Structures are given as structure tokens and as C-alpha cells.
Amino acid sequence: MFKKLAKLKYLPNNFEIIENGDHVICSISGKKIALDDLQYWNVELQEAYFSYVEASKKREQEE
């Protein structure tokens, strides 16, 4: 299913594809995320998150 890791630049409401691919890796869980399913990321840290659960965990770590 997943063939090539994409490189993205995360923007406030979107992302820019720097290097073509079909997925990115969640920085918390290590799970693969299809670009079509990517909804959670951190612009400042330039990290992707699999779901709101991982995004919440990251926020808790920063507090």
C-alpha cells in the first residue's frame, strides 16, 4: 500500500509537497499516514501526527 515516503513543508492550514510520495510518518507513534488521510501536524516543529491522540500526547509533552 505505502510505497514512497513524502517530504512535506507543513503550513498553517495546508502542506506543500517538497518531494513526491504517498505517505509520511507520525512523529509520536511511527505509524505511516497516507497523504490523503493527513489531518494533524505541527507547523513550528514540522511534525505529522497520526490522529488527535498523538497530537494531544505531543502537546502534553511540551507542557
Protein backbone atom coordinates (compact mmCIF):
# COMPACT_ATOMS: atom_id res chain seq x y z
CA MET A 1 0.00 0.00 0.00
CA PHE A 2 2.60 2.58 1.03
CA LYS A 3 5.39 2.90 -1.48
CA LYS A 4 7.36 6.11 -1.01
CA LEU A 5 7.91 8.49 1.88
CA ALA A 6 6.94 12.06 1.01
CA LYS A 7 8.73 15.15 2.26
CA LEU A 8 6.39 17.96 3.22
CA LYS A 9 6.51 21.52 4.44
CA TYR A 10 3.71 21.94 6.98
CA LEU A 11 1.84 25.23 6.72
CA PRO A 12 -0.91 26.64 8.99
CA ASN A 13 -3.86 25.25 7.02
CA ASN A 14 -2.20 23.08 4.40
CA PHE A 15 1.06 21.45 3.45
CA GLU A 16 3.39 21.74 0.50
CA ILE A 17 4.86 18.64 -1.11
CA ILE A 18 8.64 19.06 -1.32
CA GLU A 19 9.34 15.52 -2.50
CA ASN A 20 6.62 13.33 -4.01
CA GLY A 21 5.47 10.27 -2.12
CA ASP A 22 2.31 8.69 -0.78
CA HIS A 23 2.82 8.86 2.98
CA VAL A 24 4.58 10.44 5.96
CA ILE A 25 5.49 9.02 9.37
CA CYS A 26 3.83 10.03 12.65
CA SER A 27 6.49 11.58 14.90
CA ILE A 28 4.90 10.08 18.03
CA SER A 29 3.75 6.56 17.07
CA GLY A 30 5.86 5.86 13.98
CA LYS A 31 2.70 4.87 12.07
CA LYS A 32 2.52 5.56 8.35
CA ILE A 33 -0.03 8.20 7.31
CA ALA A 34 -1.37 8.36 3.77
CA LEU A 35 -1.25 11.93 2.46
CA ASP A 36 -4.99 11.74 1.76
CA ASP A 37 -5.57 10.99 5.47
CA LEU A 38 -3.15 13.55 6.93
CA GLN A 39 -5.06 15.98 9.17
CA TYR A 40 -2.81 16.71 12.15
CA TRP A 41 0.60 18.38 12.18
CA ASN A 42 2.67 20.99 13.97
CA VAL A 43 3.86 23.90 11.82
CA GLU A 44 6.55 25.06 14.28
CA LEU A 45 8.05 21.59 14.77
CA GLN A 46 7.33 20.42 11.20
CA GLU A 47 5.94 17.11 12.50
CA ALA A 48 2.98 14.98 11.41
CA TYR A 49 0.64 13.11 13.77
CA PHE A 50 -1.46 10.04 13.00
CA SER A 51 -4.54 11.31 14.88
CA TYR A 52 -5.71 13.75 17.53
CA VAL A 53 -4.49 11.24 20.14
CA GLU A 54 -0.86 11.60 19.07
CA ALA A 55 -1.23 15.36 18.63
CA SER A 56 -2.57 15.60 22.20
CA LYS A 57 0.30 13.49 23.54
CA LYS A 58 2.78 15.87 21.91
CA ARG A 59 1.04 18.88 23.45
CA GLU A 60 1.16 17.22 26.88
CA GLN A 61 4.91 16.55 26.49
CA GLU A 62 5.53 20.24 25.76
CA GLU A 63 3.78 21.49 28.91
